[in-house]
Amino acid sequence: MSTHDAVIEAATTSTSTPTPDPGASGPARGHSAATLHEAAVAELGPDAGALTVVDPAISATWPGARVAGLAYTVQGAGGDNLALHHAIAAAPAHSVLVADLGGAAHGHWGEVMAVAAQQRAIAGLVIDGGVRDAYEMAAHAFPVFSRNNTVRGTRKLFPGVLGGRIRVGGVLVHTGDLIVGDADGVVVIPAQHITAVLDRADVRAAHEVDVLAQLRAGATTLQIYALDDAAPTAPTAATTTSPVDTCAGQAPADSDERQLP
């Protein structure tokens, strides 16, 4: 195993988290990004994805990175990281820095800034832009979610705007919104809906525990979700209807999420 691989394995192992527990403490009560998205759909309606799901191109910089906390927003300029230096000094402890750098492919953040942020108890970074030092940040177990990794340097000219409304990965973010990121992506829960969405997530998590118990007892997903009324048909030479035609007009993919608690 290479040194870099060993660093990644050690960081992933040391920061891994068990299956979310509805009773877990913390800003997201231990829930995953996927569970919170499903809970947001149930609470806010089928358009919740546009409000809460960050562009999946913004993803964990190192395997196993997870973050949960309230947003502290940073409006910077692509190719300039002075705003992030100011944010490290200004952000409240346990907050997640959420930065709009215009998606720029520059190394706006690296090991030195990660250590500086950890010393101020900042929970992590979500950035619409590039970072560098992925292996080193894994070694420090500092969670970062970025659009790209690059060694391209930055200038330090624009002090930025802190604490205002920004857009990251297509989603509006305000300081105080709940941010959760893991291997499945990053979600944003608007501050005014945090409690209601977390309550729904608690119910979903409890329901999934019951589903898993039924599966281990021998039930099928068809039975549990009452999907066995319409059995698939055997193909014939005369079959001309495509699956796309058959499914036309049916509910969108998120509809199953709204049927569950």
C-alpha atoms as a PDB file:
ATOM      1  CA  MET A   1       0.000   0.000   0.000  1.00  0.00           C
ATOM      2  CA  SER A   2       1.381   3.441  -0.909  1.00  0.00           C
ATOM      3  CA  THR A   3       1.836   6.177   1.686  1.00  0.00           C
ATOM      4  CA  HIS A   4      -0.989   8.185   0.130  1.00  0.00           C
ATOM      5  CA  ASP A   5      -3.334   5.178   0.198  1.00  0.00           C
ATOM      6  CA  ALA A   6      -2.433   4.526   3.824  1.00  0.00           C
ATOM      7  CA  VAL A   7      -3.257   8.126   4.742  1.00  0.00           C
ATOM      8  CA  ILE A   8      -6.651   7.896   3.032  1.00  0.00           C
ATOM      9  CA  GLU A   9      -7.434   4.561   4.691  1.00  0.00           C
ATOM     10  CA  ALA A  10      -6.476   5.839   8.130  1.00  0.00           C
ATOM     11  CA  ALA A  11      -8.517   9.027   7.751  1.00  0.00           C
ATOM     12  CA  THR A  12     -11.535   7.155   6.447  1.00  0.00           C
ATOM     13  CA  THR A  13     -11.384   4.652   9.272  1.00  0.00           C
ATOM     14  CA  SER A  14     -10.946   7.250  11.975  1.00  0.00           C
ATOM     15  CA  THR A  15     -13.867   9.381  10.807  1.00  0.00           C
ATOM     16  CA  SER A  16     -16.306   6.701   9.698  1.00  0.00           C
ATOM     17  CA  THR A  17     -19.781   6.906  11.187  1.00  0.00           C
ATOM     18  CA  PRO A  18     -22.273   4.123  11.929  1.00  0.00           C
ATOM     19  CA  THR A  19     -25.742   3.979  10.429  1.00  0.00           C
ATOM     20  CA  PRO A  20     -27.492   7.243  11.423  1.00  0.00           C
ATOM     21  CA  ASP A  21     -29.457   7.014  14.660  1.00  0.00           C
ATOM     22  CA  PRO A  22     -32.590   9.161  15.045  1.00  0.00           C
ATOM     23  CA  GLY A  23     -31.591   9.801  18.637  1.00  0.00           C
ATOM     24  CA  ALA A  24     -28.054  10.866  17.770  1.00  0.00           C
ATOM     25  CA  SER A  25     -26.908  14.268  18.900  1.00  0.00           C
ATOM     26  CA  GLY A  26     -25.540  16.883  16.557  1.00  0.00           C
ATOM     27  CA  PRO A  27     -26.972  19.476  14.198  1.00  0.00           C
ATOM     28  CA  ALA A  28     -28.395  16.850  11.809  1.00  0.00           C
ATOM     29  CA  ARG A  29     -29.286  14.276  14.504  1.00  0.00           C
ATOM     30  CA  GLY A  30     -26.964  11.839  12.745  1.00  0.00           C
ATOM     31  CA  HIS A  31     -28.996  11.710   9.517  1.00  0.00           C
ATOM     32  CA  SER A  32     -27.395  11.276   6.109  1.00  0.00           C
ATOM     33  CA  ALA A  33     -27.714  13.630   3.157  1.00  0.00           C
ATOM     34  CA  ALA A  34     -30.025  11.146   1.403  1.00  0.00           C
ATOM     35  CA  THR A  35     -32.373  10.803   4.377  1.00  0.00           C
ATOM     36  CA  LEU A  36     -32.572  14.564   4.786  1.00  0.00           C
ATOM     37  CA  HIS A  37     -33.324  15.035   1.096  1.00  0.00           C
ATOM     38  CA  GLU A  38     -36.165  12.513   1.309  1.00  0.00           C
ATOM     39  CA  ALA A  39     -37.472  14.195   4.449  1.00  0.00           C
ATOM     40  CA  ALA A  40     -37.290  17.593   2.723  1.00  0.00           C
ATOM     41  CA  VAL A  41     -39.340  16.271  -0.205  1.00  0.00           C
ATOM     42  CA  ALA A  42     -41.959  15.013   2.242  1.00  0.00           C
ATOM     43  CA  GLU A  43     -42.006  18.328   4.089  1.00  0.00           C
ATOM     44  CA  LEU A  44     -41.586  20.846   1.272  1.00  0.00           C
ATOM     45  CA  GLY A  45     -43.014  19.039  -1.755  1.00  0.00           C
ATOM     46  CA  PRO A  46     -41.651  17.544  -4.975  1.00  0.00           C
ATOM     47  CA  ASP A  47     -39.694  20.675  -5.885  1.00  0.00           C
ATOM     48  CA  ALA A  48     -37.547  20.380  -2.756  1.00  0.00           C
ATOM     49  CA  GLY A  49     -34.665  18.978  -4.788  1.00  0.00           C
ATOM     50  CA  ALA A  50     -34.106  22.339  -6.472  1.00  0.00           C
ATOM     51  CA  LEU A  51     -34.075  23.980  -3.044  1.00  0.00           C
ATOM     52  CA  THR A  52     -31.880  21.526  -1.193  1.00  0.00           C
ATOM     53  CA  VAL A  53     -29.673  19.341  -3.418  1.00  0.00           C
ATOM     54  CA  VAL A  54     -26.309  20.816  -4.365  1.00  0.00           C
ATOM     55  CA  ASP A  55     -24.914  20.015  -7.820  1.00  0.00           C
ATOM     56  CA  PRO A  56     -23.398  16.518  -7.456  1.00  0.00           C
ATOM     57  CA  ALA A  57     -20.235  17.807  -9.117  1.00  0.00           C
ATOM     58  CA  ILE A  58     -19.504  19.298  -5.695  1.00  0.00           C
ATOM     59  CA  SER A  59     -18.407  16.195  -3.840  1.00  0.00           C
ATOM     60  CA  ALA A  60     -16.148  14.920  -1.072  1.00  0.00           C
ATOM     61  CA  THR A  61     -12.521  15.860  -1.675  1.00  0.00           C
ATOM     62  CA  TRP A  62     -11.371  12.691   0.087  1.00  0.00           C
ATOM     63  CA  PRO A  63     -13.144   9.349   0.638  1.00  0.00           C
ATOM     64  CA  GLY A  64     -15.162   9.142   3.830  1.00  0.00           C
ATOM     65  CA  ALA A  65     -15.476  12.881   4.416  1.00  0.00           C
ATOM     66  CA  ARG A  66     -18.681  13.808   6.262  1.00  0.00           C
ATOM     67  CA  VAL A  67     -19.860  17.152   7.564  1.00  0.00           C
ATOM     68  CA  ALA A  68     -22.920  18.542   9.338  1.00  0.00           C
ATOM     69  CA  GLY A  69     -23.419  22.018  10.726  1.00  0.00           C
ATOM     70  CA  LEU A  70     -24.938  25.430  10.218  1.00  0.00           C
ATOM     71  CA  ALA A  71     -23.725  27.408   7.229  1.00  0.00           C
ATOM     72  CA  TYR A  72     -21.504  30.453   7.403  1.00  0.00           C
ATOM     73  CA  THR A  73     -21.537  31.885   3.902  1.00  0.00           C
ATOM     74  CA  VAL A  74     -18.611  33.310   1.957  1.00  0.00           C
ATOM     75  CA  GLN A  75     -18.868  35.219  -1.319  1.00  0.00           C
ATOM     76  CA  GLY A  76     -15.439  35.243  -2.851  1.00  0.00           C
ATOM     77  CA  ALA A  77     -13.938  35.705  -6.300  1.00  0.00           C
ATOM     78  CA  GLY A  78     -12.638  32.895  -8.467  1.00  0.00           C
ATOM     79  CA  GLY A  79      -8.887  32.560  -8.252  1.00  0.00           C
ATOM     80  CA  ASP A  80      -8.723  34.634  -5.041  1.00  0.00           C
ATOM     81  CA  ASN A  81      -8.815  33.164  -1.535  1.00  0.00           C
ATOM     82  CA  LEU A  82      -8.580  36.220   0.730  1.00  0.00           C
ATOM     83  CA  ALA A  83     -12.302  35.935   1.552  1.00  0.00           C
ATOM     84  CA  LEU A  84     -11.725  32.434   2.912  1.00  0.00           C
ATOM     85  CA  HIS A  85      -8.937  33.670   5.188  1.00  0.00           C
ATOM     86  CA  HIS A  86     -11.338  36.276   6.585  1.00  0.00           C
ATOM     87  CA  ALA A  87     -14.062  33.634   6.976  1.00  0.00           C
ATOM     88  CA  ILE A  88     -11.818  31.373   9.053  1.00  0.00           C
ATOM     89  CA  ALA A  89     -11.289  34.247  11.487  1.00  0.00           C
ATOM     90  CA  ALA A  90     -14.945  35.335  11.556  1.00  0.00           C
ATOM     91  CA  ALA A  91     -17.021  32.124  11.476  1.00  0.00           C
ATOM     92  CA  PRO A  92     -18.614  30.822  14.678  1.00  0.00           C
ATOM     93  CA  ALA A  93     -17.304  27.562  16.101  1.00  0.00           C
ATOM     94  CA  HIS A  94     -18.894  24.393  14.673  1.00  0.00           C
ATOM     95  CA  SER A  95     -20.149  26.163  11.553  1.00  0.00           C
ATOM     96  CA  VAL A  96     -19.613  24.917   7.993  1.00  0.00           C
ATOM     97  CA  LEU A  97     -17.992  27.409   5.638  1.00  0.00           C
ATOM     98  CA  VAL A  98     -20.017  27.520   2.420  1.00  0.00           C
ATOM     99  CA  ALA A  99     -18.214  29.461  -0.275  1.00  0.00           C
ATOM    100  CA  ASP A 100     -19.117  30.649  -3.753  1.00  0.00           C
ATOM    101  CA  LEU A 101     -15.943  30.966  -5.812  1.00  0.00           C
ATOM    102  CA  GLY A 102     -17.752  30.776  -9.125  1.00  0.00           C
ATOM    103  CA  GLY A 103     -16.635  27.204  -9.754  1.00  0.00           C
ATOM    104  CA  ALA A 104     -13.128  28.438 -10.525  1.00  0.00           C
ATOM    105  CA  ALA A 105     -10.477  25.756 -10.961  1.00  0.00           C
ATOM    106  CA  HIS A 106      -7.940  27.176  -8.526  1.00  0.00           C
ATOM    107  CA  GLY A 107      -6.605  25.762  -5.273  1.00  0.00           C
ATOM    108  CA  HIS A 108      -8.492  28.181  -3.031  1.00  0.00           C
ATOM    109  CA  TRP A 109      -8.043  26.005   0.072  1.00  0.00           C
ATOM    110  CA  GLY A 110      -5.375  23.616   1.287  1.00  0.00           C
ATOM    111  CA  GLU A 111      -3.696  22.071   4.302  1.00  0.00           C
ATOM    112  CA  VAL A 112      -2.661  25.306   6.017  1.00  0.00           C
ATOM    113  CA  MET A 113      -6.183  26.718   5.884  1.00  0.00           C
ATOM    114  CA  ALA A 114      -7.680  23.403   7.000  1.00  0.00           C
ATOM    115  CA  VAL A 115      -5.487  23.372  10.105  1.00  0.00           C
ATOM    116  CA  ALA A 116      -6.314  27.024  10.767  1.00  0.00           C
ATOM    117  CA  ALA A 117     -10.023  26.213  10.517  1.00  0.00           C
ATOM    118  CA  GLN A 118      -9.724  23.207  12.813  1.00  0.00           C
ATOM    119  CA  GLN A 119      -8.040  25.341  15.460  1.00  0.00           C
ATOM    120  CA  ARG A 120     -11.138  27.549  15.427  1.00  0.00           C
ATOM    121  CA  ALA A 121     -13.467  24.506  15.614  1.00  0.00           C
ATOM    122  CA  ILE A 122     -14.887  25.021  12.135  1.00  0.00           C
ATOM    123  CA  ALA A 123     -16.698  21.849  11.083  1.00  0.00           C
ATOM    124  CA  GLY A 124     -15.794  21.786   7.384  1.00  0.00           C
ATOM    125  CA  LEU A 125     -15.958  23.477   4.004  1.00  0.00           C
ATOM    126  CA  VAL A 126     -18.312  23.297   1.032  1.00  0.00           C
ATOM    127  CA  ILE A 127     -16.928  25.286  -1.884  1.00  0.00           C
ATOM    128  CA  ASP A 128     -18.114  25.940  -5.401  1.00  0.00           C
ATOM    129  CA  GLY A 129     -14.586  26.041  -6.692  1.00  0.00           C
ATOM    130  CA  GLY A 130     -11.303  24.204  -6.422  1.00  0.00           C
ATOM    131  CA  VAL A 131      -9.052  23.126  -3.564  1.00  0.00           C
ATOM    132  CA  ARG A 132      -5.737  21.337  -3.220  1.00  0.00           C
ATOM    133  CA  ASP A 133      -3.891  19.133  -0.676  1.00  0.00           C
ATOM    134  CA  ALA A 134      -6.575  16.440  -0.676  1.00  0.00           C
ATOM    135  CA  TYR A 135      -4.340  13.820   0.952  1.00  0.00           C
ATOM    136  CA  GLU A 136      -3.216  16.196   3.667  1.00  0.00           C
ATOM    137  CA  MET A 137      -6.788  17.214   4.487  1.00  0.00           C
ATOM    138  CA  ALA A 138      -7.685  13.539   4.717  1.00  0.00           C
ATOM    139  CA  ALA A 139      -4.800  13.031   7.145  1.00  0.00           C
ATOM    140  CA  HIS A 140      -6.153  15.881   9.273  1.00  0.00           C
ATOM    141  CA  ALA A 141      -9.706  14.486   8.928  1.00  0.00           C
ATOM    142  CA  PHE A 142     -10.958  17.913   7.840  1.00  0.00           C
ATOM    143  CA  PRO A 143     -14.047  17.450   5.612  1.00  0.00           C
ATOM    144  CA  VAL A 144     -14.098  19.387   2.355  1.00  0.00           C
ATOM    145  CA  PHE A 145     -16.596  19.211  -0.503  1.00  0.00           C
ATOM    146  CA  SER A 146     -15.360  20.915  -3.659  1.00  0.00           C
ATOM    147  CA  ARG A 147     -16.051  21.159  -7.363  1.00  0.00           C
ATOM    148  CA  ASN A 148     -12.512  20.248  -8.355  1.00  0.00           C
ATOM    149  CA  ASN A 149      -8.975  19.659  -7.107  1.00  0.00           C
ATOM    150  CA  THR A 150      -6.123  21.614  -8.640  1.00  0.00           C
ATOM    151  CA  VAL A 151      -2.692  22.956  -7.794  1.00  0.00           C
ATOM    152  CA  ARG A 152      -3.327  26.271  -9.576  1.00  0.00           C
ATOM    153  CA  GLY A 153      -2.504  29.149  -7.248  1.00  0.00           C
ATOM    154  CA  THR A 154      -4.593  32.110  -6.087  1.00  0.00           C
ATOM    155  CA  ARG A 155      -4.197  35.788  -5.446  1.00  0.00           C
ATOM    156  CA  LYS A 156      -5.281  37.609  -2.277  1.00  0.00           C
ATOM    157  CA  LEU A 157      -7.018  40.805  -3.299  1.00  0.00           C
ATOM    158  CA  PHE A 158     -10.789  40.503  -2.741  1.00  0.00           C
ATOM    159  CA  PRO A 159     -11.797  40.462   0.955  1.00  0.00           C
ATOM    160  CA  GLY A 160     -15.184  39.011   0.110  1.00  0.00           C
ATOM    161  CA  VAL A 161     -18.654  39.305   1.579  1.00  0.00           C
ATOM    162  CA  LEU A 162     -19.370  37.224   4.667  1.00  0.00           C
ATOM    163  CA  GLY A 163     -22.705  36.060   6.008  1.00  0.00           C
ATOM    164  CA  GLY A 164     -24.858  37.049   3.026  1.00  0.00           C
ATOM    165  CA  ARG A 165     -26.987  35.098   0.562  1.00  0.00           C
ATOM    166  CA  ILE A 166     -24.986  33.081  -1.949  1.00  0.00           C
ATOM    167  CA  ARG A 167     -25.588  30.368  -4.521  1.00  0.00           C
ATOM    168  CA  VAL A 168     -23.502  27.204  -4.360  1.00  0.00           C
ATOM    169  CA  GLY A 169     -23.987  24.321  -6.752  1.00  0.00           C
ATOM    170  CA  GLY A 170     -27.252  25.856  -7.966  1.00  0.00           C
ATOM    171  CA  VAL A 171     -28.774  26.167  -4.469  1.00  0.00           C
ATOM    172  CA  LEU A 172     -29.367  29.374  -2.527  1.00  0.00           C
ATOM    173  CA  VAL A 173     -27.630  29.279   0.846  1.00  0.00           C
ATOM    174  CA  HIS A 174     -28.036  31.611   3.808  1.00  0.00           C
ATOM    175  CA  THR A 175     -25.993  31.732   6.974  1.00  0.00           C
ATOM    176  CA  GLY A 176     -27.798  29.513   9.483  1.00  0.00           C
ATOM    177  CA  ASP A 177     -29.058  26.939   6.965  1.00  0.00           C
ATOM    178  CA  LEU A 178     -28.268  23.322   7.812  1.00  0.00           C
ATOM    179  CA  ILE A 179     -25.530  21.773   5.672  1.00  0.00           C
ATOM    180  CA  VAL A 180     -24.976  18.014   5.491  1.00  0.00           C
ATOM    181  CA  GLY A 181     -22.433  16.371   3.207  1.00  0.00           C
ATOM    182  CA  ASP A 182     -21.326  12.774   2.797  1.00  0.00           C
ATOM    183  CA  ALA A 183     -20.498  10.260   0.076  1.00  0.00           C
ATOM    184  CA  ASP A 184     -23.902  10.817  -1.575  1.00  0.00           C
ATOM    185  CA  GLY A 185     -23.562  14.576  -1.914  1.00  0.00           C
ATOM    186  CA  VAL A 186     -24.443  17.812  -0.131  1.00  0.00           C
ATOM    187  CA  VAL A 187     -27.870  19.037   0.935  1.00  0.00           C
ATOM    188  CA  VAL A 188     -28.992  22.408   2.256  1.00  0.00           C
ATOM    189  CA  ILE A 189     -31.991  22.646   4.598  1.00  0.00           C
ATOM    190  CA  PRO A 190     -33.312  26.218   4.912  1.00  0.00           C
ATOM    191  CA  ALA A 191     -33.110  27.478   8.489  1.00  0.00           C
ATOM    192  CA  GLN A 192     -36.867  27.936   8.861  1.00  0.00           C
ATOM    193  CA  HIS A 193     -37.505  24.279   7.963  1.00  0.00           C
ATOM    194  CA  ILE A 194     -34.711  22.565   9.912  1.00  0.00           C
ATOM    195  CA  THR A 195     -36.783  21.311  12.838  1.00  0.00           C
ATOM    196  CA  ALA A 196     -39.668  20.047  10.683  1.00  0.00           C
ATOM    197  CA  VAL A 197     -37.332  18.278   8.236  1.00  0.00           C
ATOM    198  CA  LEU A 198     -35.317  16.680  11.047  1.00  0.00           C
ATOM    199  CA  ASP A 199     -38.516  15.448  12.681  1.00  0.00           C
ATOM    200  CA  ARG A 200     -39.563  13.819   9.407  1.00  0.00           C
ATOM    201  CA  ALA A 201     -36.069  12.348   9.048  1.00  0.00           C
ATOM    202  CA  ASP A 202     -36.435  10.776  12.505  1.00  0.00           C
ATOM    203  CA  VAL A 203     -39.660   9.081  11.377  1.00  0.00           C
ATOM    204  CA  ARG A 204     -38.050   7.895   8.126  1.00  0.00           C
ATOM    205  CA  ALA A 205     -35.052   6.464   9.945  1.00  0.00           C
ATOM    206  CA  ALA A 206     -37.292   4.549  12.351  1.00  0.00           C
ATOM    207  CA  HIS A 207     -39.332   3.258   9.398  1.00  0.00           C
ATOM    208  CA  GLU A 208     -36.184   2.071   7.625  1.00  0.00           C
ATOM    209  CA  VAL A 209     -35.113   0.153  10.728  1.00  0.00           C
ATOM    210  CA  ASP A 210     -38.443  -1.681  10.531  1.00  0.00           C
ATOM    211  CA  VAL A 211     -37.995  -2.295   6.786  1.00  0.00           C
ATOM    212  CA  LEU A 212     -34.566  -3.805   7.352  1.00  0.00           C
ATOM    213  CA  ALA A 213     -35.977  -6.062  10.044  1.00  0.00           C
ATOM    214  CA  GLN A 214     -38.700  -7.281   7.660  1.00  0.00           C
ATOM    215  CA  LEU A 215     -36.122  -7.963   4.938  1.00  0.00           C
ATOM    216  CA  ARG A 216     -34.001 -10.003   7.330  1.00  0.00           C
ATOM    217  CA  ALA A 217     -37.124 -11.948   8.273  1.00  0.00           C
ATOM    218  CA  GLY A 218     -37.621 -12.945   4.636  1.00  0.00           C
ATOM    219  CA  ALA A 219     -39.940 -10.313   3.180  1.00  0.00           C
ATOM    220  CA  THR A 220     -39.255  -8.873  -0.262  1.00  0.00           C
ATOM    221  CA  THR A 221     -39.196  -5.210  -1.171  1.00  0.00           C
ATOM    222  CA  LEU A 222     -42.168  -5.912  -3.462  1.00  0.00           C
ATOM    223  CA  GLN A 223     -44.183  -7.011  -0.439  1.00  0.00           C
ATOM    224  CA  ILE A 224     -43.024  -4.280   1.905  1.00  0.00           C
ATOM    225  CA  TYR A 225     -43.755  -1.478  -0.530  1.00  0.00           C
ATOM    226  CA  ALA A 226     -46.889  -3.132  -1.977  1.00  0.00           C
ATOM    227  CA  LEU A 227     -45.343  -3.299  -5.449  1.00  0.00           C
ATOM    228  CA  ASP A 228     -46.370  -6.844  -6.328  1.00  0.00           C
ATOM    229  CA  ASP A 229     -49.805  -6.014  -7.771  1.00  0.00           C
ATOM    230  CA  ALA A 230     -48.412  -5.519 -11.276  1.00  0.00           C
ATOM    231  CA  ALA A 231     -46.147  -8.398 -12.295  1.00  0.00           C
ATOM    232  CA  PRO A 232     -43.714  -7.997 -15.211  1.00  0.00           C
ATOM    233  CA  THR A 233     -44.780  -9.607 -18.465  1.00  0.00           C
ATOM    234  CA  ALA A 234     -42.768 -12.120 -20.425  1.00  0.00           C
ATOM    235  CA  PRO A 235     -41.317 -10.797 -23.701  1.00  0.00           C
ATOM    236  CA  THR A 236     -42.945 -11.930 -26.939  1.00  0.00           C
ATOM    237  CA  ALA A 237     -42.111 -11.449 -30.576  1.00  0.00           C
ATOM    238  CA  ALA A 238     -45.213  -9.288 -30.933  1.00  0.00           C
ATOM    239  CA  THR A 239     -44.221  -6.891 -28.152  1.00  0.00           C
ATOM    240  CA  THR A 240     -43.741  -3.434 -29.644  1.00  0.00           C
ATOM    241  CA  THR A 241     -44.421  -1.134 -26.678  1.00  0.00           C
ATOM    242  CA  SER A 242     -41.271   0.272 -25.126  1.00  0.00           C
ATOM    243  CA  PRO A 243     -40.883   0.690 -21.356  1.00  0.00           C
ATOM    244  CA  VAL A 244     -40.689   4.442 -21.909  1.00  0.00           C
ATOM    245  CA  ASP A 245     -44.097   4.421 -23.622  1.00  0.00           C
ATOM    246  CA  THR A 246     -45.572   2.230 -20.890  1.00  0.00           C
ATOM    247  CA  CYS A 247     -44.358   4.551 -18.119  1.00  0.00           C
ATOM    248  CA  ALA A 248     -45.435   7.770 -19.859  1.00  0.00           C
ATOM    249  CA  GLY A 249     -47.514   9.968 -17.631  1.00  0.00           C
ATOM    250  CA  GLN A 250     -46.575   8.196 -14.422  1.00  0.00           C
ATOM    251  CA  ALA A 251     -45.394   9.995 -11.321  1.00  0.00           C
ATOM    252  CA  PRO A 252     -41.840  11.433 -11.157  1.00  0.00           C
ATOM    253  CA  ALA A 253     -39.014   9.534  -9.526  1.00  0.00           C
ATOM    254  CA  ASP A 254     -39.434  11.338  -6.213  1.00  0.00           C
ATOM    255  CA  SER A 255     -43.032  10.110  -5.832  1.00  0.00           C
ATOM    256  CA  ASP A 256     -41.990   7.005  -3.886  1.00  0.00           C
ATOM    257  CA  GLU A 257     -40.280   9.281  -1.391  1.00  0.00           C
ATOM    258  CA  ARG A 258     -43.517  11.129  -0.740  1.00  0.00           C
ATOM    259  CA  GLN A 259     -45.390   7.908  -0.078  1.00  0.00           C
ATOM    260  CA  LEU A 260     -43.140   7.027   2.866  1.00  0.00           C
ATOM    261  CA  PRO A 261     -43.086   8.781   6.223  1.00  0.00           C
END
